[in-house]
Amino acid sequence: MMKMRRPEHLLNLLLVFVPVAASLEWVFHAGPVYVFASSALAIVPLAGIMGKATESLADRLGEGPGALLNATFGNAAELIIAVLALRAGLHDLVKASITGSIIGNILLVFGFSTLVGGLKHQAQTFNKTAAGIGSTMLLLSAVSLVVPAVFALVAVGDVRAAEREVSFEIAIVLIACYTLGLIFSLKTHRHLYMGRTPEHSPQNQAGRSESSWRPAGILLGSTALVALMSEFLVGAAEESARSLGMNDVFLGVILVAIIGNAAEHSTAVLMARKNKMDIAINIAVGSSIQVALFVAPVLVFISHWIGPSPMDLLFTPLEVMAVVLAAVVMAVITQDGETNWMEGVQLLAVYVILGIAFFFFK
C-alpha cells in the first residue's frame, strides 16, 4: 500500500512551474495572466524550500545567530515580492500584501489548523500565556495602522511629509518591539514557547556544523529563484488583476499573501492534526507578528532608498478594520487556552467575509 505523501512533498511538485514561468516570460512572451499564474505557483514550493533551509541553517548556527537568520528570512518570499513591488511604485499592492499576510495567518491558517485538528481531537490545548502575549503583539500591530489613519483624518493642511515621518518613527518603535519580543521568547521566557525550541542539542549542532554549507547553498539558490519569479509576478500583477476583474487590494490581500505563505500554512495544519497546537499557533501568530513588526517596518525603511517615493503606513480603512478585527478575534479565541473545530469554522468565516469585502472594494 502506498504511503501518503507529506504536504511539503506535494508542494514540491509545483517546482515544474519555475521553468514554465521563465519560458512563458522570455520565450513565448505570453499574456500577463499566464505569467502571473505560473510564477505564483512556482513561488509556493520555493518559499517552502527557503523556510526549511532557514530552519536547518539556524539550528546549526546556534540560538543567537539562528534567531537573527529566522527574523531575516522567515518571511523572505513576501519581503522579496514587496521590495520588487516597491521598486515598481506599487505601494497599494505592498500594503495589501502586508494586510493579507497578517489576517491570512490569523484567520485562514490558524482557522484551518483549528478545524482540521478539531475534527480529529475533540479539544486541543495550548499555552494561553504565550498565546496571550502573541495576541497583544497583534493588537500592537493594529494600533500601528490605526494611528496613521486617524492622524490623516485629523491633521490639516499639507500633511504628506508629516504622514511619512509619523510612519517612519512608528516603524522604529515596531522594530524595537519585535527585537525585544525575540529576547523574550528566545531568552527570558523561552519555556513558554516549546514549539520554537531547537530539535537538535548543542552536541548535535557541533557535530553537524560542517554540513552548514548545504542549507546555505539551498537558501541562496531558492532566494534567487524567488526573486526571479517575483519579478515576473509583480510585472504581470496589474494587468492580470484587470483581466480577471480584480482590484489591486484584493490581489494583494488574498492572492499574493496566500502565495507567499502556502508552504508554511501546510506545516501549521499538519502540526494541528498531530495535536501539537503550541507549534501550530506559533507558526500562525508568529508569522503575523513577524510581518507586522518586522517586514512592514523594513519595507518603510527600504522605500526611502528604492522606488519612486517613500512608503507610509497609511492603509485603507477596510485594511485597518480587517487587521483590528483579526487581532480582536484571535484574542478572544485564545483567551481560554483551548480550541475546537467550531472555532476554526468561525475564524474561516471571518476570513471569507473580509475576502468578499475586499473583492468588491473600489
Protein backbone atom coordinates (compact mmCIF):
# COMPACT_ATOMS: atom_id res chain seq x y z
CA MET A 1 0.00 0.00 0.00
CA MET A 2 1.41 3.40 -0.99
CA LYS A 3 2.28 5.81 1.79
CA MET A 4 0.56 9.17 1.68
CA ARG A 5 2.91 11.95 0.65
CA ARG A 6 3.57 14.74 3.12
CA PRO A 7 2.12 18.18 2.18
CA GLU A 8 5.57 19.69 1.52
CA HIS A 9 6.38 16.84 -0.88
CA LEU A 10 3.19 17.52 -2.80
CA LEU A 11 4.02 21.23 -2.93
CA ASN A 12 7.44 20.41 -4.41
CA LEU A 13 5.67 19.05 -7.49
CA LEU A 14 4.90 22.68 -8.29
CA LEU A 15 8.61 23.31 -8.94
CA VAL A 16 7.87 22.41 -12.55
CA PHE A 17 6.36 25.89 -12.87
CA VAL A 18 9.79 27.54 -12.42
CA PRO A 19 10.93 26.69 -15.99
CA VAL A 20 7.33 27.09 -17.21
CA ALA A 21 7.17 30.68 -15.92
CA ALA A 22 10.60 31.51 -17.35
CA SER A 23 9.60 30.10 -20.74
CA LEU A 24 6.30 31.98 -20.80
CA GLU A 25 8.06 35.25 -19.93
CA TRP A 26 11.22 35.04 -22.03
CA VAL A 27 10.46 32.66 -24.90
CA PHE A 28 6.74 32.81 -25.66
CA HIS A 29 6.04 36.34 -24.29
CA ALA A 30 2.71 35.02 -23.05
CA GLY A 31 -0.13 37.11 -21.65
CA PRO A 32 0.18 38.57 -18.13
CA VAL A 33 -2.41 36.19 -16.62
CA TYR A 34 -0.41 33.11 -17.67
CA VAL A 35 2.86 34.62 -16.44
CA PHE A 36 1.27 35.68 -13.14
CA ALA A 37 -0.33 32.28 -12.52
CA SER A 38 2.78 30.23 -13.39
CA SER A 39 5.16 32.42 -11.37
CA ALA A 40 2.76 32.38 -8.41
CA LEU A 41 2.62 28.58 -8.46
CA ALA A 42 6.43 28.45 -8.69
CA ILE A 43 6.89 30.70 -5.64
CA VAL A 44 4.81 28.40 -3.40
CA PRO A 45 7.30 25.47 -3.23
CA LEU A 46 10.31 27.80 -3.39
CA ALA A 47 9.06 29.62 -0.30
CA GLY A 48 8.74 26.27 1.46
CA ILE A 49 12.29 25.29 0.50
CA MET A 50 13.57 28.64 1.77
CA GLY A 51 11.79 28.07 5.09
CA LYS A 52 13.22 24.57 5.56
CA ALA A 53 16.75 25.71 4.63
CA THR A 54 16.47 28.65 7.04
CA GLU A 55 15.40 26.39 9.91
CA SER A 56 18.18 23.90 9.18
CA LEU A 57 20.84 26.59 8.99
CA ALA A 58 19.52 28.30 12.13
CA ASP A 59 19.85 25.03 14.08
CA ARG A 60 23.50 24.73 13.05
CA LEU A 61 24.41 28.36 13.79
CA GLY A 62 23.08 28.31 17.35
CA GLU A 63 20.39 30.30 19.13
CA GLY A 64 21.63 33.88 18.68
CA PRO A 65 22.64 33.85 15.01
CA GLY A 66 19.81 31.40 14.33
CA ALA A 67 17.20 33.79 15.71
CA LEU A 68 18.62 36.60 13.57
CA LEU A 69 18.55 34.36 10.49
CA ASN A 70 14.93 33.38 11.15
CA ALA A 71 14.00 37.03 11.62
CA THR A 72 15.62 37.91 8.31
CA PHE A 73 14.44 35.00 6.15
CA GLY A 74 11.28 33.87 7.97
CA ASN A 75 9.08 35.81 5.55
CA ALA A 76 11.65 36.28 2.81
CA ALA A 77 9.29 35.37 -0.03
CA GLU A 78 6.78 38.06 0.95
CA LEU A 79 9.62 40.53 1.53
CA ILE A 80 11.14 39.92 -1.92
CA ILE A 81 7.76 40.31 -3.64
CA ALA A 82 7.11 43.50 -1.68
CA VAL A 83 10.54 45.01 -2.42
CA LEU A 84 10.10 44.45 -6.16
CA ALA A 85 6.61 45.95 -5.96
CA LEU A 86 8.05 48.96 -4.10
CA ARG A 87 10.60 49.45 -6.84
CA ALA A 88 7.75 49.46 -9.35
CA GLY A 89 5.86 52.03 -7.27
CA LEU A 90 3.01 49.62 -6.42
CA HIS A 91 2.54 50.83 -2.84
CA ASP A 92 -1.10 49.73 -2.69
CA LEU A 93 -0.14 46.18 -3.64
CA VAL A 94 2.62 46.15 -1.00
CA LYS A 95 0.30 47.37 1.75
CA ALA A 96 -2.37 44.92 0.67
CA SER A 97 0.10 42.02 0.84
CA ILE A 98 1.08 43.09 4.37
CA THR A 99 -2.59 43.17 5.38
CA GLY A 100 -3.20 39.84 3.70
CA SER A 101 -0.28 38.14 5.44
CA ILE A 102 -1.43 39.37 8.85
CA ILE A 103 -5.09 38.40 8.54
CA GLY A 104 -4.34 35.31 6.45
CA ASN A 105 -2.08 33.77 9.07
CA ILE A 106 -4.51 34.55 11.88
CA LEU A 107 -7.83 33.72 10.25
CA LEU A 108 -7.03 31.34 7.38
CA VAL A 109 -4.00 29.43 8.68
CA PHE A 110 -4.97 29.16 12.34
CA GLY A 111 -8.63 28.77 11.43
CA PHE A 112 -7.98 25.88 9.06
CA SER A 113 -5.49 24.35 11.51
CA THR A 114 -8.06 24.52 14.30
CA LEU A 115 -10.73 23.00 12.06
CA VAL A 116 -8.54 20.11 10.87
CA GLY A 117 -7.13 19.45 14.32
CA GLY A 118 -10.54 19.73 15.94
CA LEU A 119 -12.09 17.18 13.62
CA LYS A 120 -9.57 14.62 14.89
CA HIS A 121 -9.32 15.77 18.51
CA GLN A 122 -12.40 16.94 20.42
CA ALA A 123 -10.50 19.69 22.25
CA GLN A 124 -6.94 20.93 21.79
CA THR A 125 -4.97 22.93 24.34
CA PHE A 126 -2.01 25.28 24.14
CA ASN A 127 -0.08 27.66 26.39
CA LYS A 128 -2.52 30.53 26.84
CA THR A 129 0.13 32.81 28.36
CA ALA A 130 2.26 32.65 25.22
CA ALA A 131 -0.83 32.93 23.02
CA GLY A 132 -2.00 35.95 25.01
CA ILE A 133 1.35 37.69 24.53
CA GLY A 134 1.13 36.97 20.81
CA SER A 135 -2.40 38.39 20.68
CA THR A 136 -1.21 41.54 22.44
CA MET A 137 1.58 41.93 19.87
CA LEU A 138 -1.04 41.62 17.13
CA LEU A 139 -3.07 44.37 18.80
CA LEU A 140 0.09 46.48 18.75
CA SER A 141 0.29 45.96 15.00
CA ALA A 142 -3.34 47.07 14.72
CA VAL A 143 -2.52 50.23 16.69
CA SER A 144 0.34 50.94 14.28
CA LEU A 145 -2.20 51.04 11.43
CA VAL A 146 -4.96 52.90 13.30
CA VAL A 147 -2.76 55.81 14.43
CA PRO A 148 -1.58 56.89 10.92
CA ALA A 149 -5.15 56.57 9.63
CA VAL A 150 -6.54 58.76 12.42
CA PHE A 151 -3.64 61.20 12.01
CA ALA A 152 -4.50 61.60 8.31
CA LEU A 153 -8.13 62.36 9.25
CA VAL A 154 -7.49 64.96 11.95
CA ALA A 155 -4.41 66.70 10.53
CA VAL A 156 -4.93 69.86 8.48
CA GLY A 157 -3.05 71.41 5.59
CA ASP A 158 -0.36 69.69 3.54
CA VAL A 159 0.45 66.77 5.83
CA ARG A 160 2.02 64.37 3.33
CA ALA A 161 5.53 64.87 4.69
CA ALA A 162 4.25 64.58 8.27
CA GLU A 163 2.46 61.30 7.45
CA ARG A 164 5.70 59.83 6.14
CA GLU A 165 7.61 61.00 9.20
CA VAL A 166 5.00 59.55 11.56
CA SER A 167 5.13 56.25 9.66
CA PHE A 168 8.94 56.17 9.78
CA GLU A 169 9.06 56.74 13.54
CA ILE A 170 6.29 54.20 14.20
CA ALA A 171 8.33 51.71 12.15
CA ILE A 172 11.26 52.28 14.51
CA VAL A 173 9.02 51.50 17.50
CA LEU A 174 7.75 48.32 15.83
CA ILE A 175 11.26 47.07 15.06
CA ALA A 176 12.27 47.73 18.68
CA CYS A 177 9.25 45.79 19.97
CA TYR A 178 9.97 42.91 17.61
CA THR A 179 13.59 42.74 18.77
CA LEU A 180 12.54 42.74 22.43
CA GLY A 181 9.96 40.08 21.58
CA LEU A 182 12.74 37.85 20.26
CA ILE A 183 14.66 38.30 23.50
CA PHE A 184 11.51 37.47 25.47
CA SER A 185 10.68 34.31 23.52
CA LEU A 186 14.23 33.02 23.00
CA LYS A 187 15.90 34.04 26.26
CA THR A 188 13.99 35.25 29.30
CA HIS A 189 10.74 33.27 28.79
CA ARG A 190 11.74 30.58 26.33
CA HIS A 191 9.89 27.93 28.39
CA LEU A 192 6.58 29.40 27.16
CA TYR A 193 7.47 28.66 23.54
CA MET A 194 8.16 24.94 23.50
CA GLY A 195 7.31 24.77 19.80
CA ARG A 196 10.18 27.10 19.00
CA THR A 197 12.97 25.25 20.78
CA PRO A 198 15.58 23.66 18.52
CA GLU A 199 15.23 19.94 17.97
CA HIS A 200 18.99 19.39 17.97
CA SER A 201 21.17 19.52 21.02
CA PRO A 202 24.36 21.64 21.09
CA GLN A 203 26.35 18.46 20.67
CA ASN A 204 24.44 17.51 17.52
CA GLN A 205 24.84 21.04 16.21
CA ALA A 206 28.60 20.91 16.75
CA GLY A 207 28.80 17.52 15.11
CA ARG A 208 26.89 18.69 12.06
CA SER A 209 28.42 22.17 11.66
CA GLU A 210 30.49 21.02 8.71
CA SER A 211 27.30 20.44 6.71
CA SER A 212 26.11 24.05 7.05
CA TRP A 213 27.17 24.83 3.50
CA ARG A 214 24.42 22.67 2.03
CA PRO A 215 21.43 24.52 3.62
CA ALA A 216 23.23 27.82 2.97
CA GLY A 217 23.55 26.97 -0.71
CA ILE A 218 19.92 25.85 -0.91
CA LEU A 219 18.83 29.07 0.82
CA LEU A 220 20.78 31.28 -1.58
CA GLY A 221 19.63 29.35 -4.65
CA SER A 222 15.96 29.33 -3.67
CA THR A 223 16.14 33.02 -2.74
CA ALA A 224 17.50 33.86 -6.18
CA LEU A 225 14.72 31.87 -7.86
CA VAL A 226 12.06 33.51 -5.66
CA ALA A 227 13.44 36.91 -6.66
CA LEU A 228 13.23 35.96 -10.35
CA MET A 229 9.69 34.56 -10.07
CA SER A 230 8.65 37.61 -8.03
CA GLU A 231 9.96 39.85 -10.80
CA PHE A 232 7.65 38.04 -13.24
CA LEU A 233 4.73 38.13 -10.80
CA VAL A 234 4.98 41.84 -9.99
CA GLY A 235 5.43 42.74 -13.66
CA ALA A 236 2.20 40.95 -14.57
CA ALA A 237 0.20 41.84 -11.43
CA GLU A 238 -1.68 44.97 -12.52
CA GLU A 239 -2.69 43.72 -15.97
CA SER A 240 -3.66 40.33 -14.52
CA ALA A 241 -5.87 41.99 -11.93
CA ARG A 242 -7.67 43.98 -14.61
CA SER A 243 -8.05 40.93 -16.85
CA LEU A 244 -9.51 38.85 -14.00
CA GLY A 245 -11.82 41.62 -12.79
CA MET A 246 -9.94 42.08 -9.50
CA ASN A 247 -8.70 45.22 -7.80
CA ASP A 248 -5.09 45.61 -6.64
CA VAL A 249 -6.10 45.43 -2.97
CA PHE A 250 -7.86 42.07 -3.36
CA LEU A 251 -4.92 40.77 -5.39
CA GLY A 252 -2.50 41.66 -2.60
CA VAL A 253 -4.66 40.81 0.41
CA ILE A 254 -5.80 37.40 -0.82
CA LEU A 255 -3.72 36.02 -3.70
CA VAL A 256 -0.22 37.40 -3.09
CA ALA A 257 -0.47 36.75 0.67
CA ILE A 258 -1.51 33.12 0.16
CA ILE A 259 1.23 32.60 -2.44
CA GLY A 260 3.97 33.70 -0.04
CA ASN A 261 2.67 31.65 2.90
CA ALA A 262 1.31 28.45 1.34
CA ALA A 263 4.19 26.19 2.40
CA GLU A 264 4.10 27.49 5.96
CA HIS A 265 0.31 27.04 6.01
CA SER A 266 0.64 23.33 5.31
CA THR A 267 3.06 22.87 8.21
CA ALA A 268 0.70 24.54 10.68
CA VAL A 269 -2.20 22.34 9.60
CA LEU A 270 -0.03 19.22 9.86
CA MET A 271 1.03 20.16 13.42
CA ALA A 272 -2.57 20.77 14.46
CA ARG A 273 -3.61 17.37 13.13
CA LYS A 274 -0.85 15.84 15.28
CA ASN A 275 -2.33 17.72 18.27
CA LYS A 276 0.72 19.99 18.52
CA MET A 277 -1.26 23.20 18.86
CA ASP A 278 1.56 25.16 20.50
CA ILE A 279 3.58 24.77 17.32
CA ALA A 280 0.58 25.48 15.08
CA ILE A 281 -0.31 28.69 16.90
CA ASN A 282 3.34 29.77 16.98
CA ILE A 283 3.52 29.38 13.21
CA ALA A 284 0.29 31.29 12.57
CA VAL A 285 0.57 34.08 15.13
CA GLY A 286 4.36 34.26 14.97
CA SER A 287 4.31 34.77 11.21
CA SER A 288 1.70 37.53 11.51
CA ILE A 289 3.77 39.25 14.18
CA GLN A 290 6.88 38.98 12.02
CA VAL A 291 5.09 40.57 9.05
CA ALA A 292 3.57 43.36 11.14
CA LEU A 293 6.52 44.21 13.37
CA PHE A 294 9.47 43.30 11.14
CA VAL A 295 8.59 43.09 7.44
CA ALA A 296 6.35 46.19 7.34
CA PRO A 297 8.86 48.48 9.11
CA VAL A 298 11.73 47.16 6.98
CA LEU A 299 9.72 47.98 3.86
CA VAL A 300 9.11 51.51 5.17
CA PHE A 301 12.87 51.95 5.65
CA ILE A 302 13.78 50.41 2.28
CA SER A 303 11.25 52.56 0.44
CA HIS A 304 13.34 55.65 1.24
CA TRP A 305 16.14 54.27 -0.96
CA ILE A 306 14.25 52.48 -3.75
CA GLY A 307 11.18 53.21 -5.78
CA PRO A 308 9.66 56.48 -6.87
CA SER A 309 8.65 57.61 -3.35
CA PRO A 310 8.79 56.51 0.32
CA MET A 311 6.02 54.25 1.61
CA ASP A 312 3.93 55.21 4.62
CA LEU A 313 1.77 53.16 6.98
CA LEU A 314 -1.43 54.84 5.83
CA PHE A 315 -3.64 51.87 4.90
CA THR A 316 -7.21 51.98 3.59
CA PRO A 317 -9.99 51.99 6.24
CA LEU A 318 -11.02 48.48 5.14
CA GLU A 319 -7.47 47.16 5.61
CA VAL A 320 -7.21 48.78 9.05
CA MET A 321 -10.58 47.35 10.06
CA ALA A 322 -9.57 43.88 8.83
CA VAL A 323 -6.36 43.82 10.90
CA VAL A 324 -8.13 45.16 14.01
CA LEU A 325 -10.95 42.60 13.70
CA ALA A 326 -8.50 39.74 13.12
CA ALA A 327 -6.43 40.72 16.18
CA VAL A 328 -9.52 41.03 18.37
CA VAL A 329 -10.99 37.72 17.18
CA MET A 330 -7.66 36.00 17.81
CA ALA A 331 -7.50 37.43 21.33
CA VAL A 332 -11.00 36.14 22.08
CA ILE A 333 -10.36 32.67 20.61
CA THR A 334 -7.10 32.11 22.50
CA GLN A 335 -8.06 33.51 25.91
CA ASP A 336 -9.04 30.12 27.38
CA GLY A 337 -6.05 28.15 26.03
CA GLU A 338 -8.32 25.65 24.25
CA THR A 339 -9.76 25.29 20.76
CA ASN A 340 -12.29 23.11 18.96
CA TRP A 341 -13.33 22.67 15.34
CA MET A 342 -16.21 25.15 15.59
CA GLU A 343 -13.81 27.94 16.49
CA GLY A 344 -11.91 27.09 13.32
CA VAL A 345 -15.13 27.49 11.35
CA GLN A 346 -15.68 30.89 12.95
CA LEU A 347 -12.17 32.10 12.08
CA LEU A 348 -12.57 30.93 8.48
CA ALA A 349 -15.99 32.63 8.27
CA VAL A 350 -14.44 35.96 9.27
CA TYR A 351 -11.75 35.50 6.61
CA VAL A 352 -14.32 34.75 3.89
CA ILE A 353 -16.43 37.77 4.91
CA LEU A 354 -13.39 40.04 4.71
CA GLY A 355 -12.41 38.46 1.37
CA ILE A 356 -15.85 39.28 -0.05
CA ALA A 357 -15.50 42.89 1.09
CA PHE A 358 -12.03 43.22 -0.47
CA PHE A 359 -13.24 41.69 -3.76
CA PHE A 360 -15.89 44.40 -4.19
CA PHE A 361 -13.65 47.17 -2.81
CA LYS A 362 -13.13 50.07 -5.19
